[in-house]
PDB file of N, CA and C in Angstrom:
ATOM      1  N   MET A   1      19.721  94.879  89.718  1.00  0.00           N
ATOM      2  CA  MET A   1      20.688  95.247  90.728  1.00  0.00           C
ATOM      3  C   MET A   1      20.944  94.092  91.677  1.00  0.00           C
ATOM      4  N   LYS A   2      19.947  93.247  91.863  1.00  0.00           N
ATOM      5  CA  LYS A   2      20.129  92.116  92.772  1.00  0.00           C
ATOM      6  C   LYS A   2      21.149  91.126  92.226  1.00  0.00           C
ATOM      7  N   TYR A   3      21.198  91.010  90.905  1.00  0.00           N
ATOM      8  CA  TYR A   3      22.148  90.077  90.314  1.00  0.00           C
ATOM      9  C   TYR A   3      23.590  90.512  90.551  1.00  0.00           C
ATOM     10  N   SER A   4      23.811  91.803  90.544  1.00  0.00           N
ATOM     11  CA  SER A   4      25.174  92.283  90.764  1.00  0.00           C
ATOM     12  C   SER A   4      25.645  91.972  92.179  1.00  0.00           C
ATOM     13  N   LYS A   5      24.729  91.983  93.155  1.00  0.00           N
ATOM     14  CA  LYS A   5      25.106  91.628  94.525  1.00  0.00           C
ATOM     15  C   LYS A   5      25.437  90.147  94.629  1.00  0.00           C
ATOM     16  N   ILE A   6      24.721  89.327  93.885  1.00  0.00           N
ATOM     17  CA  ILE A   6      25.019  87.895  93.891  1.00  0.00           C
ATOM     18  C   ILE A   6      26.405  87.658  93.301  1.00  0.00           C
ATOM     19  N   PHE A   7      26.707  88.332  92.203  1.00  0.00           N
ATOM     20  CA  PHE A   7      28.008  88.159  91.575  1.00  0.00           C
ATOM     21  C   PHE A   7      29.135  88.720  92.430  1.00  0.00           C
ATOM     22  N   GLN A   8      28.841  89.742  93.244  1.00  0.00           N
ATOM     23  CA  GLN A   8      29.853  90.259  94.161  1.00  0.00           C
ATOM     24  C   GLN A   8      30.304  89.161  95.112  1.00  0.00           C
ATOM     25  N   TYR A   9      29.346  88.460  95.680  1.00  0.00           N
ATOM     26  CA  TYR A   9      29.682  87.418  96.644  1.00  0.00           C
ATOM     27  C   TYR A   9      30.245  86.172  95.970  1.00  0.00           C
ATOM     28  N   ALA A  10      29.994  86.020  94.686  1.00  0.00           N
ATOM     29  CA  ALA A  10      30.601  84.905  93.963  1.00  0.00           C
ATOM     30  C   ALA A  10      32.120  85.053  93.918  1.00  0.00           C
ATOM     31  N   TYR A  11      32.603  86.295  93.886  1.00  0.00           N
ATOM     32  CA  TYR A  11      34.045  86.513  93.920  1.00  0.00           C
ATOM     33  C   TYR A  11      34.647  86.025  95.233  1.00  0.00           C
ATOM     34  N   LEU A  12      33.925  86.177  96.329  1.00  0.00           N
ATOM     35  CA  LEU A  12      34.425  85.658  97.605  1.00  0.00           C
ATOM     36  C   LEU A  12      34.442  84.132  97.615  1.00  0.00           C
ATOM     37  N   VAL A  13      33.446  83.528  96.985  1.00  0.00           N
ATOM     38  CA  VAL A  13      33.425  82.068  96.883  1.00  0.00           C
ATOM     39  C   VAL A  13      34.627  81.583  96.078  1.00  0.00           C
ATOM     40  N   PHE A  14      34.900  82.264  94.976  1.00  0.00           N
ATOM     41  CA  PHE A  14      36.066  81.889  94.176  1.00  0.00           C
ATOM     42  C   PHE A  14      37.365  82.097  94.952  1.00  0.00           C
ATOM     43  N   ALA A  15      37.424  83.145  95.768  1.00  0.00           N
ATOM     44  CA  ALA A  15      38.622  83.387  96.573  1.00  0.00           C
ATOM     45  C   ALA A  15      38.849  82.237  97.541  1.00  0.00           C
ATOM     46  N   VAL A  16      37.787  81.773  98.172  1.00  0.00           N
ATOM     47  CA  VAL A  16      37.917  80.641  99.106  1.00  0.00           C
ATOM     48  C   VAL A  16      38.370  79.390  98.365  1.00  0.00           C
ATOM     49  N   LEU A  17      37.812  79.167  97.185  1.00  0.00           N
ATOM     50  CA  LEU A  17      38.213  78.002  96.399  1.00  0.00           C
ATOM     51  C   LEU A  17      39.683  78.088  95.975  1.00  0.00           C
ATOM     52  N   PHE A  18      40.135  79.265  95.585  1.00  0.00           N
ATOM     53  CA  PHE A  18      41.536  79.421  95.202  1.00  0.00           C
ATOM     54  C   PHE A  18      42.467  79.256  96.404  1.00  0.00           C
ATOM     55  N   ILE A  19      42.030  79.735  97.566  1.00  0.00           N
ATOM     56  CA  ILE A  19      42.851  79.544  98.769  1.00  0.00           C
ATOM     57  C   ILE A  19      42.949  78.058  99.105  1.00  0.00           C
ATOM     58  N   TYR A  20      41.839  77.350  99.013  1.00  0.00           N
ATOM     59  CA  TYR A  20      41.862  75.904  99.258  1.00  0.00           C
ATOM     60  C   TYR A  20      42.779  75.198  98.262  1.00  0.00           C
ATOM     61  N   ASP A  21      42.674  75.596  97.005  1.00  0.00           N
ATOM     62  CA  ASP A  21      43.530  75.008  95.972  1.00  0.00           C
ATOM     63  C   ASP A  21      44.999  75.307  96.250  1.00  0.00           C
ATOM     64  N   GLY A  22      45.294  76.525  96.660  1.00  0.00           N
ATOM     65  CA  GLY A  22      46.671  76.902  96.956  1.00  0.00           C
ATOM     66  C   GLY A  22      47.241  76.129  98.129  1.00  0.00           C
ATOM     67  N   ILE A  23      46.420  75.951  99.156  1.00  0.00           N
ATOM     68  CA  ILE A  23      46.889  75.190 100.328  1.00  0.00           C
ATOM     69  C   ILE A  23      47.118  73.729  99.964  1.00  0.00           C
ATOM     70  N   SER A  24      46.217  73.161  99.176  1.00  0.00           N
ATOM     71  CA  SER A  24      46.403  71.758  98.789  1.00  0.00           C
ATOM     72  C   SER A  24      47.634  71.584  97.902  1.00  0.00           C
ATOM     73  N   LYS A  25      47.890  72.545  97.019  1.00  0.00           N
ATOM     74  CA  LYS A  25      49.092  72.465  96.180  1.00  0.00           C
ATOM     75  C   LYS A  25      50.350  72.683  97.019  1.00  0.00           C
ATOM     76  N   TRP A  26      50.258  73.549  98.011  1.00  0.00           N
ATOM     77  CA  TRP A  26      51.407  73.819  98.886  1.00  0.00           C
ATOM     78  C   TRP A  26      51.774  72.556  99.678  1.00  0.00           C
ATOM     79  N   ASN A  27      50.766  71.855 100.195  1.00  0.00           N
ATOM     80  CA  ASN A  27      51.013  70.651 100.987  1.00  0.00           C
ATOM     81  C   ASN A  27      51.505  69.487 100.134  1.00  0.00           C
ATOM     82  N   ASP A  28      51.064  69.411  98.889  1.00  0.00           N
ATOM     83  CA  ASP A  28      51.500  68.339  97.992  1.00  0.00           C
ATOM     84  C   ASP A  28      52.897  68.580  97.448  1.00  0.00           C
ATOM     85  N   GLY A  29      53.336  69.804  97.505  1.00  0.00           N
ATOM     86  CA  GLY A  29      54.657  70.129  96.989  1.00  0.00           C
ATOM     87  C   GLY A  29      54.674  70.406  95.503  1.00  0.00           C
ATOM     88  N   THR A  30      53.483  70.525  94.899  1.00  0.00           N
ATOM     89  CA  THR A  30      53.446  70.820  93.470  1.00  0.00           C
ATOM     90  C   THR A  30      53.550  72.319  93.245  1.00  0.00           C
ATOM     91  N   ASN A  31      53.938  72.675  92.048  1.00  0.00           N
ATOM     92  CA  ASN A  31      54.051  74.087  91.696  1.00  0.00           C
ATOM     93  C   ASN A  31      52.678  74.683  91.437  1.00  0.00           C
ATOM     94  N   GLY A  32      52.580  75.970  91.548  1.00  0.00           N
ATOM     95  CA  GLY A  32      51.340  76.648  91.229  1.00  0.00           C
ATOM     96  C   GLY A  32      50.586  77.168  92.426  1.00  0.00           C
ATOM     97  N   ALA A  33      51.115  76.970  93.619  1.00  0.00           N
ATOM     98  CA  ALA A  33      50.425  77.461  94.812  1.00  0.00           C
ATOM     99  C   ALA A  33      50.379  78.987  94.815  1.00  0.00           C
ATOM    100  N   TYR A  34      51.471  79.607  94.384  1.00  0.00           N
ATOM    101  CA  TYR A  34      51.515  81.071  94.376  1.00  0.00           C
ATOM    102  C   TYR A  34      50.504  81.658  93.394  1.00  0.00           C
ATOM    103  N   VAL A  35      50.277  80.986  92.303  1.00  0.00           N
ATOM    104  CA  VAL A  35      49.303  81.453  91.323  1.00  0.00           C
ATOM    105  C   VAL A  35      47.896  81.399  91.927  1.00  0.00           C
ATOM    106  N   SER A  36      47.602  80.339  92.651  1.00  0.00           N
ATOM    107  CA  SER A  36      46.293  80.222  93.290  1.00  0.00           C
ATOM    108  C   SER A  36      46.108  81.304  94.345  1.00  0.00           C
ATOM    109  N   PHE A  37      47.140  81.585  95.125  1.00  0.00           N
ATOM    110  CA  PHE A  37      47.042  82.634  96.134  1.00  0.00           C
ATOM    111  C   PHE A  37      46.896  84.011  95.484  1.00  0.00           C
ATOM    112  N   ALA A  38      47.572  84.224  94.372  1.00  0.00           N
ATOM    113  CA  ALA A  38      47.455  85.500  93.665  1.00  0.00           C
ATOM    114  C   ALA A  38      46.041  85.677  93.093  1.00  0.00           C
ATOM    115  N   LEU A  39      45.466  84.610  92.561  1.00  0.00           N
ATOM    116  CA  LEU A  39      44.104  84.689  92.044  1.00  0.00           C
ATOM    117  C   LEU A  39      43.099  84.916  93.175  1.00  0.00           C
ATOM    118  N   ALA A  40      43.350  84.340  94.340  1.00  0.00           N
ATOM    119  CA  ALA A  40      42.483  84.578  95.494  1.00  0.00           C
ATOM    120  C   ALA A  40      42.555  86.036  95.918  1.00  0.00           C
ATOM    121  N   ALA A  41      43.755  86.596  95.949  1.00  0.00           N
ATOM    122  CA  ALA A  41      43.909  88.005  96.313  1.00  0.00           C
ATOM    123  C   ALA A  41      43.222  88.898  95.282  1.00  0.00           C
ATOM    124  N   LEU A  42      43.319  88.551  94.018  1.00  0.00           N
ATOM    125  CA  LEU A  42      42.655  89.311  92.962  1.00  0.00           C
ATOM    126  C   LEU A  42      41.134  89.244  93.107  1.00  0.00           C
ATOM    127  N   ALA A  43      40.607  88.085  93.443  1.00  0.00           N
ATOM    128  CA  ALA A  43      39.166  87.931  93.621  1.00  0.00           C
ATOM    129  C   ALA A  43      38.666  88.776  94.794  1.00  0.00           C
ATOM    130  N   VAL A  44      39.432  88.826  95.881  1.00  0.00           N
ATOM    131  CA  VAL A  44      39.044  89.647  97.027  1.00  0.00           C
ATOM    132  C   VAL A  44      39.092  91.126  96.650  1.00  0.00           C
ATOM    133  N   PHE A  45      40.122  91.523  95.912  1.00  0.00           N
ATOM    134  CA  PHE A  45      40.225  92.906  95.460  1.00  0.00           C
ATOM    135  C   PHE A  45      39.032  93.282  94.582  1.00  0.00           C
ATOM    136  N   ILE A  46      38.659  92.420  93.655  1.00  0.00           N
ATOM    137  CA  ILE A  46      37.539  92.696  92.762  1.00  0.00           C
ATOM    138  C   ILE A  46      36.242  92.800  93.558  1.00  0.00           C
ATOM    139  N   PHE A  47      36.083  91.950  94.590  1.00  0.00           N
ATOM    140  CA  PHE A  47      34.890  92.023  95.433  1.00  0.00           C
ATOM    141  C   PHE A  47      34.752  93.401  96.058  1.00  0.00           C
ATOM    142  N   PHE A  48      35.824  93.887  96.697  1.00  0.00           N
ATOM    143  CA  PHE A  48      35.737  95.184  97.353  1.00  0.00           C
ATOM    144  C   PHE A  48      35.596  96.324  96.351  1.00  0.00           C
ATOM    145  N   PHE A  49      36.236  96.208  95.200  1.00  0.00           N
ATOM    146  CA  PHE A  49      36.119  97.239  94.168  1.00  0.00           C
ATOM    147  C   PHE A  49      34.692  97.324  93.642  1.00  0.00           C
ATOM    148  N   ARG A  50      34.108  96.185  93.331  1.00  0.00           N
ATOM    149  CA  ARG A  50      32.740  96.180  92.797  1.00  0.00           C
ATOM    150  C   ARG A  50      31.736  96.638  93.840  1.00  0.00           C
ATOM    151  N   ARG A  51      31.965  96.279  95.112  1.00  0.00           N
ATOM    152  CA  ARG A  51      31.062  96.702  96.170  1.00  0.00           C
ATOM    153  C   ARG A  51      31.091  98.222  96.334  1.00  0.00           C
ATOM    154  N   LYS A  52      32.296  98.787  96.294  1.00  0.00           N
ATOM    155  CA  LYS A  52      32.427 100.236  96.420  1.00  0.00           C
ATOM    156  C   LYS A  52      31.781 100.935  95.229  1.00  0.00           C
ATOM    157  N   PHE A  53      31.999 100.420  94.039  1.00  0.00           N
ATOM    158  CA  PHE A  53      31.427 101.008  92.840  1.00  0.00           C
ATOM    159  C   PHE A  53      29.906 100.911  92.850  1.00  0.00           C
ATOM    160  N   ALA A  54      29.356  99.778  93.312  1.00  0.00           N
ATOM    161  CA  ALA A  54      27.900  99.607  93.364  1.00  0.00           C
ATOM    162  C   ALA A  54      27.279 100.574  94.368  1.00  0.00           C
ATOM    163  N   LYS A  55      27.939 100.788  95.496  1.00  0.00           N
ATOM    164  CA  LYS A  55      27.428 101.750  96.473  1.00  0.00           C
ATOM    165  C   LYS A  55      27.456 103.168  95.908  1.00  0.00           C
ATOM    166  N   LYS A  56      28.488 103.473  95.140  1.00  0.00           N
ATOM    167  CA  LYS A  56      28.595 104.796  94.530  1.00  0.00           C
ATOM    168  C   LYS A  56      27.467 105.013  93.522  1.00  0.00           C
ATOM    169  N   ILE A  57      27.185 104.023  92.709  1.00  0.00           N
ATOM    170  CA  ILE A  57      26.109 104.112  91.720  1.00  0.00           C
ATOM    171  C   ILE A  57      24.756 104.206  92.421  1.00  0.00           C
ATOM    172  N   GLU A  58      24.562 103.409  93.478  1.00  0.00           N
ATOM    173  CA  GLU A  58      23.302 103.433  94.209  1.00  0.00           C
ATOM    174  C   GLU A  58      23.073 104.790  94.864  1.00  0.00           C
ATOM    175  N   LYS A  59      24.119 105.373  95.422  1.00  0.00           N
ATOM    176  CA  LYS A  59      24.015 106.682  96.033  1.00  0.00           C
ATOM    177  C   LYS A  59      23.668 107.732  94.978  1.00  0.00           C
ATOM    178  N   SER A  60      24.268 107.592  93.807  1.00  0.00           N
ATOM    179  CA  SER A  60      23.993 108.532  92.714  1.00  0.00           C
ATOM    180  C   SER A  60      22.535 108.409  92.252  1.00  0.00           C
ATOM    181  N   ASN A  61      22.028 107.193  92.176  1.00  0.00           N
ATOM    182  CA  ASN A  61      20.642 106.980  91.739  1.00  0.00           C
ATOM    183  C   ASN A  61      19.640 107.472  92.774  1.00  0.00           C
ATOM    184  N   ASN A  62      19.973 107.368  94.052  1.00  0.00           N
ATOM    185  CA  ASN A  62      19.066 107.811  95.105  1.00  0.00           C
ATOM    186  C   ASN A  62      18.998 109.328  95.218  1.00  0.00           C
ATOM    187  N   SER A  63      20.050 110.006  94.803  1.00  0.00           N
ATOM    188  CA  SER A  63      20.057 111.459  94.915  1.00  0.00           C
ATOM    189  C   SER A  63      19.262 112.148  93.803  1.00  0.00           C
ATOM    190  N   LYS A  64      18.903 111.403  92.780  1.00  0.00           N
ATOM    191  CA  LYS A  64      18.158 111.992  91.653  1.00  0.00           C
ATOM    192  C   LYS A  64      16.700 112.117  91.952  1.00  0.00           C
TER     193      LYS A  64
END
């Protein structure tokens, strides 16, 4: 279970990296900034989804 928490926060790290990539592409004027921002938004969404799902599973395991 501890590994899943580490991977949850890895999604936030990837989101920060994609945001940095998007900003650097935006400032350089190259294409692809929107793709980086979309991937960052997806990574944040996955983080919150997995966190909610893990809490639901943990609550289910504790009630048994």
